[in-house]
Amino acid sequence: MKPVLIFDLDGTLVDSKQDLTASVNYVRHRFDLPALTEDEIARFIGDGALMMIRRALEGRAGESNVQEGLQLFLSYYRAHMLDRSTLYPGVRETLDRLSDCKLAVLTNKPVHFSCAMLDGLDIYKHFVSVYGGNSFDRKKPDPVGIYQILSDTRGAREKTWMIGDSSVDVLTGRRAGVTTCGVTYGYSTSSFEEHPPDYRIDKFPQLETLIHA
């Protein structure tokens, strides 16, 4: 039975920080809020677009503003999501070499954005399943997405990995009973202090050695 590798997207496969920063700052500008840095906005990422905008609006985060801000963000990001987003070093080559595994993506980014990003960066072909934050009633860290991927792939939990850059990914994998791997180059790696993954890698190509150990 082939190993099943489930990847987070932003901060794991794709460095999308610049485009997310520009899109969030576009919303903040529309609400007369000052621009934030990439590092400041990176702390908002990981729990889906709605929560990111709620955090970005700070004291202006009444529900009507959040909903308006979300629509502004989605419209702007749809047009600019691939302006400067790139794969992390070694992602494309490593995915090419993982042909003996079944690969999937489970992210809290809306699924249509996720598929468009993977397609635009020419790696969509590697994945048997792609699920986003609006694919199910519950987002990560609820394990429903992993259960669905295990059903899709007929995979075994003991041969399944959840790979991501935050405690959200670790908790998702842990609740599903699969192995967890944290990438230390992503956006929310400080959250590993509270919820450490089973393994950590500093560069994406190290995953190949880890999986085949």
C-alpha atoms as a PDB file:
ATOM      1  CA  MET A   1       0.000   0.000   0.000  1.00  0.00           C
ATOM      2  CA  LYS A   2       1.363   3.383  -1.010  1.00  0.00           C
ATOM      3  CA  PRO A   3       2.032   6.066   1.619  1.00  0.00           C
ATOM      4  CA  VAL A   4      -0.463   8.950   1.574  1.00  0.00           C
ATOM      5  CA  LEU A   5       1.062  12.422   1.940  1.00  0.00           C
ATOM      6  CA  ILE A   6      -1.358  15.250   2.750  1.00  0.00           C
ATOM      7  CA  PHE A   7      -0.014  18.775   2.361  1.00  0.00           C
ATOM      8  CA  ASP A   8      -1.062  22.151   3.629  1.00  0.00           C
ATOM      9  CA  LEU A   9      -0.735  24.794   0.881  1.00  0.00           C
ATOM     10  CA  ASP A  10       0.281  28.304   1.990  1.00  0.00           C
ATOM     11  CA  GLY A  11       3.543  28.232   3.898  1.00  0.00           C
ATOM     12  CA  THR A  12       4.162  24.597   3.005  1.00  0.00           C
ATOM     13  CA  LEU A  13       4.106  24.139  -0.775  1.00  0.00           C
ATOM     14  CA  VAL A  14       3.703  27.759  -1.841  1.00  0.00           C
ATOM     15  CA  ASP A  15       5.266  30.989  -0.612  1.00  0.00           C
ATOM     16  CA  SER A  16       2.207  33.176  -1.088  1.00  0.00           C
ATOM     17  CA  LYS A  17       3.051  35.733   1.568  1.00  0.00           C
ATOM     18  CA  GLN A  18       3.563  38.696  -0.777  1.00  0.00           C
ATOM     19  CA  ASP A  19       0.243  38.286  -2.580  1.00  0.00           C
ATOM     20  CA  LEU A  20      -1.648  37.644   0.648  1.00  0.00           C
ATOM     21  CA  THR A  21      -0.021  40.708   2.197  1.00  0.00           C
ATOM     22  CA  ALA A  22      -0.978  42.908  -0.752  1.00  0.00           C
ATOM     23  CA  SER A  23      -4.549  41.608  -0.685  1.00  0.00           C
ATOM     24  CA  VAL A  24      -5.014  42.058   3.054  1.00  0.00           C
ATOM     25  CA  ASN A  25      -3.497  45.535   2.910  1.00  0.00           C
ATOM     26  CA  TYR A  26      -5.898  46.393   0.085  1.00  0.00           C
ATOM     27  CA  VAL A  27      -8.758  45.606   2.472  1.00  0.00           C
ATOM     28  CA  ARG A  28      -7.157  47.541   5.311  1.00  0.00           C
ATOM     29  CA  HIS A  29      -6.706  50.532   3.008  1.00  0.00           C
ATOM     30  CA  ARG A  30     -10.400  50.426   2.119  1.00  0.00           C
ATOM     31  CA  PHE A  31     -11.173  50.628   5.847  1.00  0.00           C
ATOM     32  CA  ASP A  32      -8.662  53.474   6.392  1.00  0.00           C
ATOM     33  CA  LEU A  33      -6.287  51.251   8.343  1.00  0.00           C
ATOM     34  CA  PRO A  34      -2.493  51.465   7.907  1.00  0.00           C
ATOM     35  CA  ALA A  35      -0.615  48.813   5.966  1.00  0.00           C
ATOM     36  CA  LEU A  36       0.945  45.915   7.844  1.00  0.00           C
ATOM     37  CA  THR A  37       4.177  44.055   7.144  1.00  0.00           C
ATOM     38  CA  GLU A  38       4.419  40.562   5.680  1.00  0.00           C
ATOM     39  CA  ASP A  39       5.405  39.143   9.061  1.00  0.00           C
ATOM     40  CA  GLU A  40       2.452  40.779  10.778  1.00  0.00           C
ATOM     41  CA  ILE A  41      -0.001  39.446   8.219  1.00  0.00           C
ATOM     42  CA  ALA A  42       1.612  35.993   8.247  1.00  0.00           C
ATOM     43  CA  ARG A  43       0.333  35.592  11.798  1.00  0.00           C
ATOM     44  CA  PHE A  44      -3.237  35.885  10.484  1.00  0.00           C
ATOM     45  CA  ILE A  45      -2.860  32.981   8.025  1.00  0.00           C
ATOM     46  CA  GLY A  46      -3.915  29.384   8.646  1.00  0.00           C
ATOM     47  CA  ASP A  47      -7.532  29.403   9.803  1.00  0.00           C
ATOM     48  CA  GLY A  48      -9.229  30.395   6.557  1.00  0.00           C
ATOM     49  CA  ALA A  49      -9.986  33.663   4.769  1.00  0.00           C
ATOM     50  CA  LEU A  50     -12.816  34.741   7.072  1.00  0.00           C
ATOM     51  CA  MET A  51     -10.695  34.495  10.208  1.00  0.00           C
ATOM     52  CA  MET A  52      -7.770  36.183   8.443  1.00  0.00           C
ATOM     53  CA  ILE A  53      -9.915  39.201   7.567  1.00  0.00           C
ATOM     54  CA  ARG A  54     -11.421  39.306  11.058  1.00  0.00           C
ATOM     55  CA  ARG A  55      -7.913  39.480  12.501  1.00  0.00           C
ATOM     56  CA  ALA A  56      -6.786  41.998   9.880  1.00  0.00           C
ATOM     57  CA  LEU A  57      -9.588  44.444  10.686  1.00  0.00           C
ATOM     58  CA  GLU A  58      -8.700  44.472  14.396  1.00  0.00           C
ATOM     59  CA  GLY A  59     -10.958  46.975  16.163  1.00  0.00           C
ATOM     60  CA  ARG A  60     -13.070  47.453  13.032  1.00  0.00           C
ATOM     61  CA  ALA A  61     -14.055  43.782  12.951  1.00  0.00           C
ATOM     62  CA  GLY A  62     -17.812  44.090  13.385  1.00  0.00           C
ATOM     63  CA  GLU A  63     -19.641  41.371  11.502  1.00  0.00           C
ATOM     64  CA  SER A  64     -20.835  43.602   8.645  1.00  0.00           C
ATOM     65  CA  ASN A  65     -17.308  44.963   8.165  1.00  0.00           C
ATOM     66  CA  VAL A  66     -15.856  41.459   8.242  1.00  0.00           C
ATOM     67  CA  GLN A  67     -18.270  40.264   5.566  1.00  0.00           C
ATOM     68  CA  GLU A  68     -17.587  43.327   3.402  1.00  0.00           C
ATOM     69  CA  GLY A  69     -13.853  42.946   3.941  1.00  0.00           C
ATOM     70  CA  LEU A  70     -14.012  39.266   3.030  1.00  0.00           C
ATOM     71  CA  GLN A  71     -15.691  40.016  -0.296  1.00  0.00           C
ATOM     72  CA  LEU A  72     -13.154  42.758  -1.032  1.00  0.00           C
ATOM     73  CA  PHE A  73     -10.330  40.375  -0.210  1.00  0.00           C
ATOM     74  CA  LEU A  74     -11.684  37.507  -2.314  1.00  0.00           C
ATOM     75  CA  SER A  75     -12.237  39.746  -5.327  1.00  0.00           C
ATOM     76  CA  TYR A  76      -8.777  41.324  -5.136  1.00  0.00           C
ATOM     77  CA  TYR A  77      -6.984  38.072  -4.321  1.00  0.00           C
ATOM     78  CA  ARG A  78      -8.678  36.239  -7.201  1.00  0.00           C
ATOM     79  CA  ALA A  79      -7.080  38.717  -9.608  1.00  0.00           C
ATOM     80  CA  HIS A  80      -3.659  38.877  -7.921  1.00  0.00           C
ATOM     81  CA  MET A  81      -3.070  35.513  -6.221  1.00  0.00           C
ATOM     82  CA  LEU A  82      -0.289  34.509  -8.615  1.00  0.00           C
ATOM     83  CA  ASP A  83       1.422  37.879  -9.079  1.00  0.00           C
ATOM     84  CA  ARG A  84       4.387  36.939  -6.872  1.00  0.00           C
ATOM     85  CA  SER A  85       3.526  33.583  -5.296  1.00  0.00           C
ATOM     86  CA  THR A  86       6.076  30.860  -5.971  1.00  0.00           C
ATOM     87  CA  LEU A  87       6.795  27.277  -5.003  1.00  0.00           C
ATOM     88  CA  TYR A  88       9.275  26.848  -2.186  1.00  0.00           C
ATOM     89  CA  PRO A  89      12.696  25.586  -3.307  1.00  0.00           C
ATOM     90  CA  GLY A  90      12.670  21.924  -4.242  1.00  0.00           C
ATOM     91  CA  VAL A  91       8.896  21.446  -4.143  1.00  0.00           C
ATOM     92  CA  ARG A  92       8.420  20.716  -7.834  1.00  0.00           C
ATOM     93  CA  GLU A  93      11.386  18.335  -8.071  1.00  0.00           C
ATOM     94  CA  THR A  94      10.469  16.505  -4.865  1.00  0.00           C
ATOM     95  CA  LEU A  95       6.842  16.017  -5.908  1.00  0.00           C
ATOM     96  CA  ASP A  96       8.124  14.574  -9.193  1.00  0.00           C
ATOM     97  CA  ARG A  97      10.131  12.008  -7.239  1.00  0.00           C
ATOM     98  CA  LEU A  98       7.304  11.012  -4.885  1.00  0.00           C
ATOM     99  CA  SER A  99       5.534   8.966  -7.565  1.00  0.00           C
ATOM    100  CA  ASP A 100       5.481   5.979  -5.201  1.00  0.00           C
ATOM    101  CA  CYS A 101       3.136   7.927  -2.888  1.00  0.00           C
ATOM    102  CA  LYS A 102      -0.418   9.212  -3.173  1.00  0.00           C
ATOM    103  CA  LEU A 103      -0.411  12.992  -2.726  1.00  0.00           C
ATOM    104  CA  ALA A 104      -3.230  15.273  -1.577  1.00  0.00           C
ATOM    105  CA  VAL A 105      -3.768  18.858  -0.431  1.00  0.00           C
ATOM    106  CA  LEU A 106      -5.831  19.863   2.603  1.00  0.00           C
ATOM    107  CA  THR A 107      -5.881  23.603   3.223  1.00  0.00           C
ATOM    108  CA  ASN A 108      -8.147  26.160   4.850  1.00  0.00           C
ATOM    109  CA  LYS A 109      -7.868  28.347   1.718  1.00  0.00           C
ATOM    110  CA  PRO A 110     -11.093  28.226  -0.352  1.00  0.00           C
ATOM    111  CA  VAL A 111     -10.908  25.211  -2.641  1.00  0.00           C
ATOM    112  CA  HIS A 112     -11.348  27.080  -5.944  1.00  0.00           C
ATOM    113  CA  PHE A 113      -8.433  29.368  -5.078  1.00  0.00           C
ATOM    114  CA  SER A 114      -6.378  26.345  -4.051  1.00  0.00           C
ATOM    115  CA  CYS A 115      -6.994  24.509  -7.316  1.00  0.00           C
ATOM    116  CA  ALA A 116      -6.296  27.652  -9.344  1.00  0.00           C
ATOM    117  CA  MET A 117      -3.022  28.197  -7.487  1.00  0.00           C
ATOM    118  CA  LEU A 118      -1.872  24.600  -7.920  1.00  0.00           C
ATOM    119  CA  ASP A 119      -2.794  24.720 -11.595  1.00  0.00           C
ATOM    120  CA  GLY A 120      -1.147  28.095 -12.143  1.00  0.00           C
ATOM    121  CA  LEU A 121       2.078  26.815 -10.583  1.00  0.00           C
ATOM    122  CA  ASP A 122       1.842  23.616 -12.667  1.00  0.00           C
ATOM    123  CA  ILE A 123       1.729  21.082  -9.818  1.00  0.00           C
ATOM    124  CA  TYR A 124      -1.999  20.278  -9.740  1.00  0.00           C
ATOM    125  CA  LYS A 125      -1.334  17.091 -11.699  1.00  0.00           C
ATOM    126  CA  HIS A 126       0.475  15.542  -8.734  1.00  0.00           C
ATOM    127  CA  PHE A 127      -2.550  15.408  -6.421  1.00  0.00           C
ATOM    128  CA  VAL A 128      -5.291  12.815  -6.305  1.00  0.00           C
ATOM    129  CA  SER A 129      -7.406  15.006  -3.988  1.00  0.00           C
ATOM    130  CA  VAL A 130      -7.536  18.723  -3.196  1.00  0.00           C
ATOM    131  CA  TYR A 131      -9.801  20.027  -0.431  1.00  0.00           C
ATOM    132  CA  GLY A 132     -10.164  23.551   0.916  1.00  0.00           C
ATOM    133  CA  GLY A 133     -11.676  25.393   3.818  1.00  0.00           C
ATOM    134  CA  ASN A 134     -15.112  25.396   2.204  1.00  0.00           C
ATOM    135  CA  SER A 135     -15.071  21.737   1.111  1.00  0.00           C
ATOM    136  CA  PHE A 136     -16.608  20.503   4.365  1.00  0.00           C
ATOM    137  CA  ASP A 137     -18.760  21.853   7.168  1.00  0.00           C
ATOM    138  CA  ARG A 138     -15.675  22.065   9.389  1.00  0.00           C
ATOM    139  CA  LYS A 139     -12.144  23.324   8.680  1.00  0.00           C
ATOM    140  CA  LYS A 140      -8.821  22.091   9.985  1.00  0.00           C
ATOM    141  CA  PRO A 141      -8.002  21.232  12.735  1.00  0.00           C
ATOM    142  CA  ASP A 142     -11.125  19.102  12.429  1.00  0.00           C
ATOM    143  CA  PRO A 143      -9.910  15.836  10.833  1.00  0.00           C
ATOM    144  CA  VAL A 144     -12.851  15.431   8.426  1.00  0.00           C
ATOM    145  CA  GLY A 145     -10.634  16.317   5.446  1.00  0.00           C
ATOM    146  CA  ILE A 146      -8.098  13.637   6.295  1.00  0.00           C
ATOM    147  CA  TYR A 147     -10.851  11.062   6.673  1.00  0.00           C
ATOM    148  CA  GLN A 148     -12.145  11.980   3.212  1.00  0.00           C
ATOM    149  CA  ILE A 149      -8.666  11.725   1.686  1.00  0.00           C
ATOM    150  CA  LEU A 150      -8.155   8.322   3.306  1.00  0.00           C
ATOM    151  CA  SER A 151     -11.433   7.239   1.731  1.00  0.00           C
ATOM    152  CA  ASP A 152     -10.423   8.671  -1.667  1.00  0.00           C
ATOM    153  CA  THR A 153      -7.040   6.947  -1.649  1.00  0.00           C
ATOM    154  CA  ARG A 154      -8.000   3.811   0.275  1.00  0.00           C
ATOM    155  CA  GLY A 155      -5.021   4.685   2.406  1.00  0.00           C
ATOM    156  CA  ALA A 156      -3.997   3.352   5.795  1.00  0.00           C
ATOM    157  CA  ARG A 157      -3.632   5.744   8.727  1.00  0.00           C
ATOM    158  CA  GLU A 158      -0.336   4.159   9.748  1.00  0.00           C
ATOM    159  CA  LYS A 159       1.111   5.062   6.317  1.00  0.00           C
ATOM    160  CA  THR A 160      -0.399   8.565   6.127  1.00  0.00           C
ATOM    161  CA  TRP A 161       1.339  11.871   6.829  1.00  0.00           C
ATOM    162  CA  MET A 162      -0.012  15.386   7.417  1.00  0.00           C
ATOM    163  CA  ILE A 163       2.618  17.958   6.422  1.00  0.00           C
ATOM    164  CA  GLY A 164       2.244  21.646   7.229  1.00  0.00           C
ATOM    165  CA  ASP A 165       3.655  24.782   8.800  1.00  0.00           C
ATOM    166  CA  SER A 166       1.421  25.282  11.833  1.00  0.00           C
ATOM    167  CA  SER A 167      -0.123  23.714  14.911  1.00  0.00           C
ATOM    168  CA  VAL A 168      -3.405  23.611  12.965  1.00  0.00           C
ATOM    169  CA  ASP A 169      -1.862  20.971  10.710  1.00  0.00           C
ATOM    170  CA  VAL A 170      -0.342  19.099  13.639  1.00  0.00           C
ATOM    171  CA  LEU A 171      -3.656  18.978  15.484  1.00  0.00           C
ATOM    172  CA  THR A 172      -5.484  17.892  12.334  1.00  0.00           C
ATOM    173  CA  GLY A 173      -3.105  15.008  11.824  1.00  0.00           C
ATOM    174  CA  ARG A 174      -3.072  14.041  15.477  1.00  0.00           C
ATOM    175  CA  ARG A 175      -6.864  13.967  15.682  1.00  0.00           C
ATOM    176  CA  ALA A 176      -6.967  11.730  12.614  1.00  0.00           C
ATOM    177  CA  GLY A 177      -4.330   9.393  14.018  1.00  0.00           C
ATOM    178  CA  VAL A 178      -1.720   9.984  11.306  1.00  0.00           C
ATOM    179  CA  THR A 179       1.958  10.972  11.405  1.00  0.00           C
ATOM    180  CA  THR A 180       2.678  14.709  11.431  1.00  0.00           C
ATOM    181  CA  CYS A 181       5.584  16.609   9.864  1.00  0.00           C
ATOM    182  CA  GLY A 182       6.218  20.312  10.364  1.00  0.00           C
ATOM    183  CA  VAL A 183       8.090  22.486   7.881  1.00  0.00           C
ATOM    184  CA  THR A 184      10.187  25.054   9.710  1.00  0.00           C
ATOM    185  CA  TYR A 185      10.305  27.620   6.876  1.00  0.00           C
ATOM    186  CA  GLY A 186       6.587  28.464   6.842  1.00  0.00           C
ATOM    187  CA  TYR A 187       4.390  31.157   8.392  1.00  0.00           C
ATOM    188  CA  SER A 188       3.238  29.795  11.756  1.00  0.00           C
ATOM    189  CA  THR A 189       6.108  27.620  12.898  1.00  0.00           C
ATOM    190  CA  SER A 190       6.238  29.257  16.331  1.00  0.00           C
ATOM    191  CA  SER A 191       2.980  27.417  17.063  1.00  0.00           C
ATOM    192  CA  PHE A 192       4.958  24.153  17.037  1.00  0.00           C
ATOM    193  CA  GLU A 193       6.177  25.080  20.519  1.00  0.00           C
ATOM    194  CA  GLU A 194       2.740  24.297  21.933  1.00  0.00           C
ATOM    195  CA  HIS A 195       1.892  21.459  19.561  1.00  0.00           C
ATOM    196  CA  PRO A 196       5.106  19.866  18.266  1.00  0.00           C
ATOM    197  CA  PRO A 197       4.905  17.622  15.168  1.00  0.00           C
ATOM    198  CA  ASP A 198       6.301  14.102  15.105  1.00  0.00           C
ATOM    199  CA  TYR A 199       9.012  15.227  12.661  1.00  0.00           C
ATOM    200  CA  ARG A 200      10.362  18.506  11.320  1.00  0.00           C
ATOM    201  CA  ILE A 201      12.107  19.409   8.088  1.00  0.00           C
ATOM    202  CA  ASP A 202      13.982  22.623   7.295  1.00  0.00           C
ATOM    203  CA  LYS A 203      13.834  22.198   3.506  1.00  0.00           C
ATOM    204  CA  PHE A 204      11.107  20.560   1.445  1.00  0.00           C
ATOM    205  CA  PRO A 205      13.390  18.010  -0.320  1.00  0.00           C
ATOM    206  CA  GLN A 206      14.218  16.495   3.092  1.00  0.00           C
ATOM    207  CA  LEU A 207      10.711  15.038   3.058  1.00  0.00           C
ATOM    208  CA  GLU A 208      11.723  12.420   0.498  1.00  0.00           C
ATOM    209  CA  THR A 209      14.413  10.980   2.768  1.00  0.00           C
ATOM    210  CA  LEU A 210      12.089  11.079   5.771  1.00  0.00           C
ATOM    211  CA  ILE A 211       9.250   9.269   4.019  1.00  0.00           C
ATOM    212  CA  HIS A 212      11.528   6.574   2.636  1.00  0.00           C
ATOM    213  CA  ALA A 213      13.508   6.021   5.844  1.00  0.00           C
END
